[in-house]
PDB file of N, CA and C in Angstrom:
ATOM      1  N   MET A   1      18.129 -14.835  -9.206  1.00  0.00           N
ATOM      2  CA  MET A   1      17.073 -13.905  -8.876  1.00  0.00           C
ATOM      3  C   MET A   1      17.490 -12.504  -9.304  1.00  0.00           C
ATOM      4  N   LYS A   2      16.476 -11.702  -9.633  1.00  0.00           N
ATOM      5  CA  LYS A   2      16.755 -10.359 -10.129  1.00  0.00           C
ATOM      6  C   LYS A   2      16.157  -9.259  -9.273  1.00  0.00           C
ATOM      7  N   ALA A   3      14.895  -9.410  -8.871  1.00  0.00           N
ATOM      8  CA  ALA A   3      14.220  -8.326  -8.148  1.00  0.00           C
ATOM      9  C   ALA A   3      12.892  -8.818  -7.597  1.00  0.00           C
ATOM     10  N   ILE A   4      12.366  -8.060  -6.642  1.00  0.00           N
ATOM     11  CA  ILE A   4      10.994  -8.306  -6.190  1.00  0.00           C
ATOM     12  C   ILE A   4      10.083  -7.649  -7.210  1.00  0.00           C
ATOM     13  N   GLU A   5       9.132  -8.412  -7.725  1.00  0.00           N
ATOM     14  CA  GLU A   5       8.278  -7.893  -8.791  1.00  0.00           C
ATOM     15  C   GLU A   5       6.906  -7.455  -8.287  1.00  0.00           C
ATOM     16  N   ILE A   6       6.168  -8.358  -7.614  1.00  0.00           N
ATOM     17  CA  ILE A   6       4.806  -8.042  -7.179  1.00  0.00           C
ATOM     18  C   ILE A   6       4.617  -8.509  -5.741  1.00  0.00           C
ATOM     19  N   ILE A   7       4.012  -7.660  -4.928  1.00  0.00           N
ATOM     20  CA  ILE A   7       3.672  -7.992  -3.551  1.00  0.00           C
ATOM     21  C   ILE A   7       2.150  -8.006  -3.458  1.00  0.00           C
ATOM     22  N   SER A   8       1.600  -9.086  -2.928  1.00  0.00           N
ATOM     23  CA  SER A   8       0.144  -9.208  -2.788  1.00  0.00           C
ATOM     24  C   SER A   8      -0.309  -8.591  -1.470  1.00  0.00           C
ATOM     25  N   ILE A   9      -1.333  -7.751  -1.554  1.00  0.00           N
ATOM     26  CA  ILE A   9      -1.932  -7.130  -0.376  1.00  0.00           C
ATOM     27  C   ILE A   9      -3.355  -7.660  -0.258  1.00  0.00           C
ATOM     28  N   PRO A  10      -3.671  -8.375   0.849  1.00  0.00           N
ATOM     29  CA  PRO A  10      -5.005  -8.955   0.995  1.00  0.00           C
ATOM     30  C   PRO A  10      -6.047  -7.912   1.401  1.00  0.00           C
ATOM     31  N   VAL A  11      -7.109  -7.814   0.616  1.00  0.00           N
ATOM     32  CA  VAL A  11      -8.166  -6.824   0.853  1.00  0.00           C
ATOM     33  C   VAL A  11      -9.545  -7.487   0.730  1.00  0.00           C
ATOM     34  N   THR A  12     -10.566  -6.790   1.199  1.00  0.00           N
ATOM     35  CA  THR A  12     -11.932  -7.292   1.041  1.00  0.00           C
ATOM     36  C   THR A  12     -12.633  -6.645  -0.149  1.00  0.00           C
ATOM     37  N   ASN A  13     -12.349  -5.364  -0.401  1.00  0.00           N
ATOM     38  CA  ASN A  13     -13.018  -4.612  -1.456  1.00  0.00           C
ATOM     39  C   ASN A  13     -11.947  -3.965  -2.332  1.00  0.00           C
ATOM     40  N   GLN A  14     -11.749  -4.533  -3.511  1.00  0.00           N
ATOM     41  CA  GLN A  14     -10.671  -4.047  -4.379  1.00  0.00           C
ATOM     42  C   GLN A  14     -10.887  -2.607  -4.834  1.00  0.00           C
ATOM     43  N   GLU A  15     -12.114  -2.214  -5.112  1.00  0.00           N
ATOM     44  CA  GLU A  15     -12.376  -0.843  -5.568  1.00  0.00           C
ATOM     45  C   GLU A  15     -12.039   0.177  -4.482  1.00  0.00           C
ATOM     46  N   LYS A  16     -12.512  -0.082  -3.274  1.00  0.00           N
ATOM     47  CA  LYS A  16     -12.246   0.812  -2.148  1.00  0.00           C
ATOM     48  C   LYS A  16     -10.739   0.875  -1.863  1.00  0.00           C
ATOM     49  N   SER A  17     -10.082  -0.278  -1.904  1.00  0.00           N
ATOM     50  CA  SER A  17      -8.638  -0.325  -1.658  1.00  0.00           C
ATOM     51  C   SER A  17      -7.864   0.352  -2.774  1.00  0.00           C
ATOM     52  N   LYS A  18      -8.297   0.161  -4.007  1.00  0.00           N
ATOM     53  CA  LYS A  18      -7.625   0.804  -5.143  1.00  0.00           C
ATOM     54  C   LYS A  18      -7.660   2.325  -4.974  1.00  0.00           C
ATOM     55  N   GLU A  19      -8.805   2.860  -4.596  1.00  0.00           N
ATOM     56  CA  GLU A  19      -8.938   4.302  -4.375  1.00  0.00           C
ATOM     57  C   GLU A  19      -7.988   4.768  -3.259  1.00  0.00           C
ATOM     58  N   PHE A  20      -7.917   3.996  -2.174  1.00  0.00           N
ATOM     59  CA  PHE A  20      -7.028   4.338  -1.064  1.00  0.00           C
ATOM     60  C   PHE A  20      -5.575   4.375  -1.524  1.00  0.00           C
ATOM     61  N   TYR A  21      -5.119   3.332  -2.217  1.00  0.00           N
ATOM     62  CA  TYR A  21      -3.720   3.275  -2.649  1.00  0.00           C
ATOM     63  C   TYR A  21      -3.404   4.343  -3.700  1.00  0.00           C
ATOM     64  N   GLU A  22      -4.357   4.655  -4.548  1.00  0.00           N
ATOM     65  CA  GLU A  22      -4.140   5.756  -5.501  1.00  0.00           C
ATOM     66  C   GLU A  22      -4.003   7.084  -4.746  1.00  0.00           C
ATOM     67  N   ASN A  23      -4.771   7.271  -3.663  1.00  0.00           N
ATOM     68  CA  ASN A  23      -4.647   8.483  -2.847  1.00  0.00           C
ATOM     69  C   ASN A  23      -3.282   8.569  -2.163  1.00  0.00           C
ATOM     70  N   LEU A  24      -2.657   7.414  -1.924  1.00  0.00           N
ATOM     71  CA  LEU A  24      -1.306   7.415  -1.351  1.00  0.00           C
ATOM     72  C   LEU A  24      -0.244   7.749  -2.388  1.00  0.00           C
ATOM     73  N   GLY A  25      -0.580   7.674  -3.667  1.00  0.00           N
ATOM     74  CA  GLY A  25       0.383   7.983  -4.720  1.00  0.00           C
ATOM     75  C   GLY A  25       0.683   6.834  -5.661  1.00  0.00           C
ATOM     76  N   PHE A  26       0.055   5.678  -5.437  1.00  0.00           N
ATOM     77  CA  PHE A  26       0.226   4.559  -6.362  1.00  0.00           C
ATOM     78  C   PHE A  26      -0.537   4.872  -7.654  1.00  0.00           C
ATOM     79  N   CYS A  27      -0.064   4.314  -8.765  1.00  0.00           N
ATOM     80  CA  CYS A  27      -0.737   4.464 -10.058  1.00  0.00           C
ATOM     81  C   CYS A  27      -1.201   3.095 -10.544  1.00  0.00           C
ATOM     82  N   LEU A  28      -2.364   3.071 -11.164  1.00  0.00           N
ATOM     83  CA  LEU A  28      -2.912   1.824 -11.687  1.00  0.00           C
ATOM     84  C   LEU A  28      -2.056   1.341 -12.853  1.00  0.00           C
ATOM     85  N   ILE A  29      -1.610   0.093 -12.779  1.00  0.00           N
ATOM     86  CA  ILE A  29      -0.824  -0.526 -13.847  1.00  0.00           C
ATOM     87  C   ILE A  29      -1.725  -1.410 -14.695  1.00  0.00           C
ATOM     88  N   ALA A  30      -2.558  -2.205 -14.029  1.00  0.00           N
ATOM     89  CA  ALA A  30      -3.440  -3.131 -14.752  1.00  0.00           C
ATOM     90  C   ALA A  30      -4.680  -3.423 -13.922  1.00  0.00           C
ATOM     91  N   GLU A  31      -5.788  -3.579 -14.628  1.00  0.00           N
ATOM     92  CA  GLU A  31      -7.040  -3.997 -14.007  1.00  0.00           C
ATOM     93  C   GLU A  31      -7.773  -4.839 -15.045  1.00  0.00           C
ATOM     94  N   ALA A  32      -7.995  -6.116 -14.702  1.00  0.00           N
ATOM     95  CA  ALA A  32      -8.588  -7.027 -15.678  1.00  0.00           C
ATOM     96  C   ALA A  32      -9.242  -8.198 -14.964  1.00  0.00           C
ATOM     97  N   PRO A  33     -10.215  -8.862 -15.644  1.00  0.00           N
ATOM     98  CA  PRO A  33     -10.812 -10.060 -15.061  1.00  0.00           C
ATOM     99  C   PRO A  33      -9.725 -11.094 -14.763  1.00  0.00           C
ATOM    100  N   PHE A  34      -9.923 -11.837 -13.668  1.00  0.00           N
ATOM    101  CA  PHE A  34      -8.926 -12.807 -13.233  1.00  0.00           C
ATOM    102  C   PHE A  34      -9.660 -13.990 -12.621  1.00  0.00           C
ATOM    103  N   GLY A  35     -10.105 -14.877 -13.436  1.00  0.00           N
ATOM    104  CA  GLY A  35     -10.857 -16.027 -12.937  1.00  0.00           C
ATOM    105  C   GLY A  35     -12.304 -15.662 -12.696  1.00  0.00           C
ATOM    106  N   PRO A  36     -13.129 -16.655 -12.402  1.00  0.00           N
ATOM    107  CA  PRO A  36     -14.558 -16.415 -12.189  1.00  0.00           C
ATOM    108  C   PRO A  36     -14.820 -15.501 -10.992  1.00  0.00           C
ATOM    109  N   GLY A  37     -15.454 -14.381 -11.249  1.00  0.00           N
ATOM    110  CA  GLY A  37     -15.819 -13.439 -10.197  1.00  0.00           C
ATOM    111  C   GLY A  37     -14.646 -12.730  -9.544  1.00  0.00           C
ATOM    112  N   GLN A  38     -13.475 -12.788 -10.157  1.00  0.00           N
ATOM    113  CA  GLN A  38     -12.295 -12.141  -9.590  1.00  0.00           C
ATOM    114  C   GLN A  38     -11.734 -11.108 -10.567  1.00  0.00           C
ATOM    115  N   LYS A  39     -10.919 -10.219  -9.990  1.00  0.00           N
ATOM    116  CA  LYS A  39     -10.320  -9.154 -10.799  1.00  0.00           C
ATOM    117  C   LYS A  39      -8.857  -8.998 -10.377  1.00  0.00           C
ATOM    118  N   TRP A  40      -7.998  -8.761 -11.347  1.00  0.00           N
ATOM    119  CA  TRP A  40      -6.588  -8.464 -11.097  1.00  0.00           C
ATOM    120  C   TRP A  40      -6.454  -6.945 -11.038  1.00  0.00           C
ATOM    121  N   VAL A  41      -5.971  -6.429  -9.896  1.00  0.00           N
ATOM    122  CA  VAL A  41      -5.741  -4.989  -9.736  1.00  0.00           C
ATOM    123  C   VAL A  41      -4.288  -4.824  -9.308  1.00  0.00           C
ATOM    124  N   GLN A  42      -3.507  -4.191 -10.170  1.00  0.00           N
ATOM    125  CA  GLN A  42      -2.073  -4.020  -9.928  1.00  0.00           C
ATOM    126  C   GLN A  42      -1.726  -2.540  -9.952  1.00  0.00           C
ATOM    127  N   LEU A  43      -0.979  -2.099  -8.930  1.00  0.00           N
ATOM    128  CA  LEU A  43      -0.593  -0.693  -8.803  1.00  0.00           C
ATOM    129  C   LEU A  43       0.898  -0.592  -8.494  1.00  0.00           C
ATOM    130  N   GLY A  44       1.468   0.565  -8.782  1.00  0.00           N
ATOM    131  CA  GLY A  44       2.881   0.786  -8.478  1.00  0.00           C
ATOM    132  C   GLY A  44       3.202   2.263  -8.509  1.00  0.00           C
ATOM    133  N   PHE A  45       4.459   2.551  -8.229  1.00  0.00           N
ATOM    134  CA  PHE A  45       4.933   3.930  -8.295  1.00  0.00           C
ATOM    135  C   PHE A  45       5.564   4.171  -9.663  1.00  0.00           C
ATOM    136  N   PRO A  46       5.326   5.327 -10.267  1.00  0.00           N
ATOM    137  CA  PRO A  46       5.894   5.622 -11.586  1.00  0.00           C
ATOM    138  C   PRO A  46       7.422   5.461 -11.586  1.00  0.00           C
ATOM    139  N   GLY A  47       7.926   4.777 -12.603  1.00  0.00           N
ATOM    140  CA  GLY A  47       9.367   4.623 -12.770  1.00  0.00           C
ATOM    141  C   GLY A  47       9.999   3.527 -11.933  1.00  0.00           C
ATOM    142  N   HIS A  48       9.183   2.711 -11.231  1.00  0.00           N
ATOM    143  CA  HIS A  48       9.724   1.634 -10.400  1.00  0.00           C
ATOM    144  C   HIS A  48       9.151   0.300 -10.847  1.00  0.00           C
ATOM    145  N   ASP A  49       9.955  -0.751 -10.743  1.00  0.00           N
ATOM    146  CA  ASP A  49       9.534  -2.071 -11.213  1.00  0.00           C
ATOM    147  C   ASP A  49       8.657  -2.821 -10.222  1.00  0.00           C
ATOM    148  N   THR A  50       8.887  -2.651  -8.932  1.00  0.00           N
ATOM    149  CA  THR A  50       8.102  -3.377  -7.934  1.00  0.00           C
ATOM    150  C   THR A  50       6.692  -2.801  -7.879  1.00  0.00           C
ATOM    151  N   SER A  51       5.719  -3.698  -7.813  1.00  0.00           N
ATOM    152  CA  SER A  51       4.325  -3.254  -7.754  1.00  0.00           C
ATOM    153  C   SER A  51       3.572  -4.092  -6.723  1.00  0.00           C
ATOM    154  N   VAL A  52       2.317  -3.729  -6.504  1.00  0.00           N
ATOM    155  CA  VAL A  52       1.448  -4.474  -5.599  1.00  0.00           C
ATOM    156  C   VAL A  52       0.215  -4.914  -6.365  1.00  0.00           C
ATOM    157  N   THR A  53      -0.397  -5.989  -5.886  1.00  0.00           N
ATOM    158  CA  THR A  53      -1.674  -6.400  -6.409  1.00  0.00           C
ATOM    159  C   THR A  53      -2.626  -6.567  -5.231  1.00  0.00           C
ATOM    160  N   LEU A  54      -3.844  -6.143  -5.401  1.00  0.00           N
ATOM    161  CA  LEU A  54      -4.859  -6.206  -4.349  1.00  0.00           C
ATOM    162  C   LEU A  54      -5.610  -7.514  -4.512  1.00  0.00           C
ATOM    163  N   VAL A  55      -5.402  -8.442  -3.574  1.00  0.00           N
ATOM    164  CA  VAL A  55      -5.927  -9.799  -3.726  1.00  0.00           C
ATOM    165  C   VAL A  55      -7.057 -10.100  -2.741  1.00  0.00           C
ATOM    166  N   THR A  56      -7.965 -10.963  -3.209  1.00  0.00           N
ATOM    167  CA  THR A  56      -9.088 -11.414  -2.374  1.00  0.00           C
ATOM    168  C   THR A  56      -9.166 -12.936  -2.345  1.00  0.00           C
ATOM    169  N   TRP A  57      -8.238 -13.624  -2.991  1.00  0.00           N
ATOM    170  CA  TRP A  57      -8.396 -15.057  -3.235  1.00  0.00           C
ATOM    171  C   TRP A  57      -7.448 -15.986  -2.481  1.00  0.00           C
ATOM    172  N   PHE A  58      -6.606 -15.493  -1.605  1.00  0.00           N
ATOM    173  CA  PHE A  58      -5.719 -16.381  -0.853  1.00  0.00           C
ATOM    174  C   PHE A  58      -6.320 -16.663   0.527  1.00  0.00           C
ATOM    175  N   PRO A  59      -6.809 -17.874   0.768  1.00  0.00           N
ATOM    176  CA  PRO A  59      -7.448 -18.164   2.050  1.00  0.00           C
ATOM    177  C   PRO A  59      -6.498 -17.992   3.237  1.00  0.00           C
ATOM    178  N   GLY A  60      -5.212 -18.220   3.050  1.00  0.00           N
ATOM    179  CA  GLY A  60      -4.242 -18.083   4.132  1.00  0.00           C
ATOM    180  C   GLY A  60      -3.783 -16.658   4.364  1.00  0.00           C
ATOM    181  N   MET A  61      -4.309 -15.708   3.570  1.00  0.00           N
ATOM    182  CA  MET A  61      -3.962 -14.285   3.701  1.00  0.00           C
ATOM    183  C   MET A  61      -5.244 -13.482   3.890  1.00  0.00           C
ATOM    184  N   PRO A  62      -5.801 -13.476   5.086  1.00  0.00           N
ATOM    185  CA  PRO A  62      -7.029 -12.702   5.275  1.00  0.00           C
ATOM    186  C   PRO A  62      -6.769 -11.198   5.159  1.00  0.00           C
ATOM    187  N   ALA A  63      -7.761 -10.489   4.700  1.00  0.00           N
ATOM    188  CA  ALA A  63      -7.655  -9.034   4.581  1.00  0.00           C
ATOM    189  C   ALA A  63      -7.225  -8.444   5.920  1.00  0.00           C
ATOM    190  N   GLY A  64      -6.277  -7.528   5.865  1.00  0.00           N
ATOM    191  CA  GLY A  64      -5.788  -6.862   7.067  1.00  0.00           C
ATOM    192  C   GLY A  64      -4.607  -7.559   7.725  1.00  0.00           C
ATOM    193  N   SER A  65      -4.132  -8.654   7.148  1.00  0.00           N
ATOM    194  CA  SER A  65      -3.061  -9.429   7.792  1.00  0.00           C
ATOM    195  C   SER A  65      -1.655  -8.980   7.410  1.00  0.00           C
ATOM    196  N   MET A  66      -1.529  -8.036   6.484  1.00  0.00           N
ATOM    197  CA  MET A  66      -0.203  -7.604   6.054  1.00  0.00           C
ATOM    198  C   MET A  66       0.340  -6.519   6.984  1.00  0.00           C
ATOM    199  N   HIS A  67       1.556  -6.728   7.458  1.00  0.00           N
ATOM    200  CA  HIS A  67       2.265  -5.751   8.283  1.00  0.00           C
ATOM    201  C   HIS A  67       3.720  -5.745   7.829  1.00  0.00           C
ATOM    202  N   GLY A  68       4.404  -4.658   8.085  1.00  0.00           N
ATOM    203  CA  GLY A  68       5.815  -4.599   7.745  1.00  0.00           C
ATOM    204  C   GLY A  68       6.097  -4.194   6.314  1.00  0.00           C
ATOM    205  N   PHE A  69       5.124  -3.647   5.623  1.00  0.00           N
ATOM    206  CA  PHE A  69       5.313  -3.154   4.253  1.00  0.00           C
ATOM    207  C   PHE A  69       5.870  -1.745   4.371  1.00  0.00           C
ATOM    208  N   VAL A  70       7.124  -1.541   3.951  1.00  0.00           N
ATOM    209  CA  VAL A  70       7.807  -0.263   4.147  1.00  0.00           C
ATOM    210  C   VAL A  70       7.962   0.464   2.816  1.00  0.00           C
ATOM    211  N   ILE A  71       7.590   1.743   2.815  1.00  0.00           N
ATOM    212  CA  ILE A  71       7.669   2.585   1.632  1.00  0.00           C
ATOM    213  C   ILE A  71       8.619   3.744   1.936  1.00  0.00           C
ATOM    214  N   LYS A  72       9.637   3.903   1.110  1.00  0.00           N
ATOM    215  CA  LYS A  72      10.620   4.967   1.289  1.00  0.00           C
ATOM    216  C   LYS A  72      10.008   6.311   0.874  1.00  0.00           C
ATOM    217  N   THR A  73      10.305   7.347   1.648  1.00  0.00           N
ATOM    218  CA  THR A  73       9.787   8.681   1.346  1.00  0.00           C
ATOM    219  C   THR A  73      10.848   9.732   1.669  1.00  0.00           C
ATOM    220  N   ASP A  74      10.681  10.919   1.141  1.00  0.00           N
ATOM    221  CA  ASP A  74      11.630  12.005   1.396  1.00  0.00           C
ATOM    222  C   ASP A  74      11.212  12.881   2.567  1.00  0.00           C
ATOM    223  N   SER A  75       9.881  12.990   2.816  1.00  0.00           N
ATOM    224  CA  SER A  75       9.417  13.893   3.864  1.00  0.00           C
ATOM    225  C   SER A  75       8.139  13.370   4.515  1.00  0.00           C
ATOM    226  N   LEU A  76       8.258  12.893   5.737  1.00  0.00           N
ATOM    227  CA  LEU A  76       7.078  12.422   6.453  1.00  0.00           C
ATOM    228  C   LEU A  76       6.114  13.561   6.746  1.00  0.00           C
ATOM    229  N   GLU A  77       6.641  14.740   7.036  1.00  0.00           N
ATOM    230  CA  GLU A  77       5.766  15.892   7.307  1.00  0.00           C
ATOM    231  C   GLU A  77       4.915  16.222   6.083  1.00  0.00           C
ATOM    232  N   GLN A  78       5.522  16.176   4.914  1.00  0.00           N
ATOM    233  CA  GLN A  78       4.776  16.443   3.682  1.00  0.00           C
ATOM    234  C   GLN A  78       3.738  15.332   3.453  1.00  0.00           C
ATOM    235  N   ASP A  79       4.129  14.093   3.726  1.00  0.00           N
ATOM    236  CA  ASP A  79       3.183  12.977   3.583  1.00  0.00           C
ATOM    237  C   ASP A  79       1.988  13.164   4.510  1.00  0.00           C
ATOM    238  N   ILE A  80       2.246  13.521   5.760  1.00  0.00           N
ATOM    239  CA  ILE A  80       1.175  13.731   6.728  1.00  0.00           C
ATOM    240  C   ILE A  80       0.217  14.805   6.222  1.00  0.00           C
ATOM    241  N   GLU A  81       0.764  15.892   5.725  1.00  0.00           N
ATOM    242  CA  GLU A  81      -0.055  16.994   5.212  1.00  0.00           C
ATOM    243  C   GLU A  81      -0.930  16.518   4.044  1.00  0.00           C
ATOM    244  N   GLU A  82      -0.311  15.819   3.090  1.00  0.00           N
ATOM    245  CA  GLU A  82      -1.046  15.339   1.912  1.00  0.00           C
ATOM    246  C   GLU A  82      -2.089  14.286   2.283  1.00  0.00           C
ATOM    247  N   PHE A  83      -1.707  13.338   3.136  1.00  0.00           N
ATOM    248  CA  PHE A  83      -2.625  12.258   3.499  1.00  0.00           C
ATOM    249  C   PHE A  83      -3.825  12.783   4.282  1.00  0.00           C
ATOM    250  N   THR A  84      -3.567  13.638   5.270  1.00  0.00           N
ATOM    251  CA  THR A  84      -4.680  14.148   6.077  1.00  0.00           C
ATOM    252  C   THR A  84      -5.615  15.017   5.236  1.00  0.00           C
ATOM    253  N   ALA A  85      -5.077  15.734   4.255  1.00  0.00           N
ATOM    254  CA  ALA A  85      -5.920  16.528   3.355  1.00  0.00           C
ATOM    255  C   ALA A  85      -6.846  15.625   2.530  1.00  0.00           C
ATOM    256  N   LYS A  86      -6.423  14.379   2.311  1.00  0.00           N
ATOM    257  CA  LYS A  86      -7.230  13.420   1.557  1.00  0.00           C
ATOM    258  C   LYS A  86      -8.093  12.554   2.473  1.00  0.00           C
ATOM    259  N   GLY A  87      -8.069  12.857   3.782  1.00  0.00           N
ATOM    260  CA  GLY A  87      -8.881  12.106   4.731  1.00  0.00           C
ATOM    261  C   GLY A  87      -8.273  10.788   5.174  1.00  0.00           C
ATOM    262  N   ILE A  88      -6.978  10.598   4.927  1.00  0.00           N
ATOM    263  CA  ILE A  88      -6.289   9.376   5.325  1.00  0.00           C
ATOM    264  C   ILE A  88      -5.745   9.567   6.736  1.00  0.00           C
ATOM    265  N   GLU A  89      -6.101   8.640   7.620  1.00  0.00           N
ATOM    266  CA  GLU A  89      -5.647   8.697   9.005  1.00  0.00           C
ATOM    267  C   GLU A  89      -4.196   8.230   9.097  1.00  0.00           C
ATOM    268  N   VAL A  90      -3.388   8.986   9.810  1.00  0.00           N
ATOM    269  CA  VAL A  90      -1.969   8.630   9.968  1.00  0.00           C
ATOM    270  C   VAL A  90      -1.636   8.500  11.450  1.00  0.00           C
ATOM    271  N   GLY A  91      -0.589   7.733  11.725  1.00  0.00           N
ATOM    272  CA  GLY A  91      -0.101   7.603  13.094  1.00  0.00           C
ATOM    273  C   GLY A  91       0.852   8.751  13.416  1.00  0.00           C
ATOM    274  N   LYS A  92       1.607   8.565  14.483  1.00  0.00           N
ATOM    275  CA  LYS A  92       2.607   9.560  14.868  1.00  0.00           C
ATOM    276  C   LYS A  92       3.961   9.153  14.315  1.00  0.00           C
ATOM    277  N   ILE A  93       4.818  10.123  14.068  1.00  0.00           N
ATOM    278  CA  ILE A  93       6.165   9.840  13.595  1.00  0.00           C
ATOM    279  C   ILE A  93       6.951   9.175  14.718  1.00  0.00           C
ATOM    280  N   ASP A  94       7.618   8.090  14.358  1.00  0.00           N
ATOM    281  CA  ASP A  94       8.454   7.344  15.295  1.00  0.00           C
ATOM    282  C   ASP A  94       9.911   7.549  14.878  1.00  0.00           C
ATOM    283  N   ASP A  95      10.668   8.261  15.713  1.00  0.00           N
ATOM    284  CA  ASP A  95      12.096   8.488  15.446  1.00  0.00           C
ATOM    285  C   ASP A  95      12.892   7.330  16.027  1.00  0.00           C
ATOM    286  N   THR A  96      13.663   6.660  15.175  1.00  0.00           N
ATOM    287  CA  THR A  96      14.486   5.533  15.602  1.00  0.00           C
ATOM    288  C   THR A  96      15.923   5.764  15.140  1.00  0.00           C
ATOM    289  N   PRO A  97      16.878   4.998  15.657  1.00  0.00           N
ATOM    290  CA  PRO A  97      18.268   5.138  15.192  1.00  0.00           C
ATOM    291  C   PRO A  97      18.438   4.817  13.705  1.00  0.00           C
ATOM    292  N   TRP A  98      17.514   4.064  13.101  1.00  0.00           N
ATOM    293  CA  TRP A  98      17.644   3.687  11.696  1.00  0.00           C
ATOM    294  C   TRP A  98      16.699   4.463  10.792  1.00  0.00           C
ATOM    295  N   GLY A  99      16.116   5.535  11.304  1.00  0.00           N
ATOM    296  CA  GLY A  99      15.278   6.402  10.484  1.00  0.00           C
ATOM    297  C   GLY A  99      13.987   6.770  11.177  1.00  0.00           C
ATOM    298  N   ARG A 100      13.187   7.530  10.463  1.00  0.00           N
ATOM    299  CA  ARG A 100      11.887   7.978  10.970  1.00  0.00           C
ATOM    300  C   ARG A 100      10.795   7.198  10.242  1.00  0.00           C
ATOM    301  N   PHE A 101       9.740   6.834  10.995  1.00  0.00           N
ATOM    302  CA  PHE A 101       8.676   6.018  10.429  1.00  0.00           C
ATOM    303  C   PHE A 101       7.310   6.615  10.739  1.00  0.00           C
ATOM    304  N   LEU A 102       6.379   6.385   9.827  1.00  0.00           N
ATOM    305  CA  LEU A 102       4.999   6.831   9.979  1.00  0.00           C
ATOM    306  C   LEU A 102       4.092   5.675   9.572  1.00  0.00           C
ATOM    307  N   SER A 103       3.187   5.277  10.450  1.00  0.00           N
ATOM    308  CA  SER A 103       2.281   4.170  10.154  1.00  0.00           C
ATOM    309  C   SER A 103       0.967   4.669   9.568  1.00  0.00           C
ATOM    310  N   VAL A 104       0.478   3.922   8.587  1.00  0.00           N
ATOM    311  CA  VAL A 104      -0.807   4.196   7.956  1.00  0.00           C
ATOM    312  C   VAL A 104      -1.499   2.853   7.749  1.00  0.00           C
ATOM    313  N   LYS A 105      -2.789   2.787   8.054  1.00  0.00           N
ATOM    314  CA  LYS A 105      -3.554   1.563   7.828  1.00  0.00           C
ATOM    315  C   LYS A 105      -4.469   1.756   6.625  1.00  0.00           C
ATOM    316  N   ASP A 106      -4.546   0.717   5.797  1.00  0.00           N
ATOM    317  CA  ASP A 106      -5.469   0.779   4.669  1.00  0.00           C
ATOM    318  C   ASP A 106      -6.878   0.444   5.179  1.00  0.00           C
ATOM    319  N   PRO A 107      -7.894   0.472   4.317  1.00  0.00           N
ATOM    320  CA  PRO A 107      -9.275   0.246   4.774  1.00  0.00           C
ATOM    321  C   PRO A 107      -9.501  -1.091   5.488  1.00  0.00           C
ATOM    322  N   ASP A 108      -8.650  -2.086   5.236  1.00  0.00           N
ATOM    323  CA  ASP A 108      -8.798  -3.393   5.877  1.00  0.00           C
ATOM    324  C   ASP A 108      -7.919  -3.563   7.105  1.00  0.00           C
ATOM    325  N   GLY A 109      -7.067  -2.580   7.387  1.00  0.00           N
ATOM    326  CA  GLY A 109      -6.173  -2.680   8.538  1.00  0.00           C
ATOM    327  C   GLY A 109      -4.779  -3.166   8.205  1.00  0.00           C
ATOM    328  N   ASN A 110      -4.474  -3.365   6.913  1.00  0.00           N
ATOM    329  CA  ASN A 110      -3.098  -3.678   6.530  1.00  0.00           C
ATOM    330  C   ASN A 110      -2.226  -2.497   6.934  1.00  0.00           C
ATOM    331  N   MET A 111      -1.077  -2.782   7.541  1.00  0.00           N
ATOM    332  CA  MET A 111      -0.217  -1.722   8.069  1.00  0.00           C
ATOM    333  C   MET A 111       0.910  -1.383   7.092  1.00  0.00           C
ATOM    334  N   LEU A 112       0.931  -0.130   6.680  1.00  0.00           N
ATOM    335  CA  LEU A 112       2.006   0.386   5.830  1.00  0.00           C
ATOM    336  C   LEU A 112       2.879   1.283   6.691  1.00  0.00           C
ATOM    337  N   SER A 113       4.158   1.262   6.441  1.00  0.00           N
ATOM    338  CA  SER A 113       5.087   2.079   7.202  1.00  0.00           C
ATOM    339  C   SER A 113       5.886   2.933   6.215  1.00  0.00           C
ATOM    340  N   PHE A 114       5.777   4.241   6.362  1.00  0.00           N
ATOM    341  CA  PHE A 114       6.551   5.144   5.510  1.00  0.00           C
ATOM    342  C   PHE A 114       7.843   5.454   6.239  1.00  0.00           C
ATOM    343  N   HIS A 115       8.965   5.360   5.517  1.00  0.00           N
ATOM    344  CA  HIS A 115      10.291   5.489   6.106  1.00  0.00           C
ATOM    345  C   HIS A 115      11.056   6.655   5.477  1.00  0.00           C
ATOM    346  N   GLN A 116      11.550   7.514   6.335  1.00  0.00           N
ATOM    347  CA  GLN A 116      12.413   8.615   5.900  1.00  0.00           C
ATOM    348  C   GLN A 116      13.765   8.402   6.596  1.00  0.00           C
ATOM    349  N   ALA A 117      14.802   8.244   5.795  1.00  0.00           N
ATOM    350  CA  ALA A 117      16.148   8.001   6.345  1.00  0.00           C
ATOM    351  C   ALA A 117      16.709   9.246   6.969  1.00  0.00           C
TER     352      ALA A 117
END
């Protein structure tokens, strides 16, 4: 094994979710037809190999079921300022012995956790 390449995030509306993730700082890598009535939407952070894809086709992964997705950041305060300016609702900073965390939910309720060491 070499690396984690793609993480699937279950969503109901790929366009709405794509806009949300782009507002968080993700960049569109690929968008293309993917089977009948489906679309492949892949996003990632510039200069990093791991990416996400916004999926609607896994019956065992209902939209909003993803939790525990952790994104490393340098400044939660700066993230809060940027996210709230874009209309993104954020939780409160949670200070723990292993770092500081900030929770954000996407339009479907998938839980993202921003981590500052």
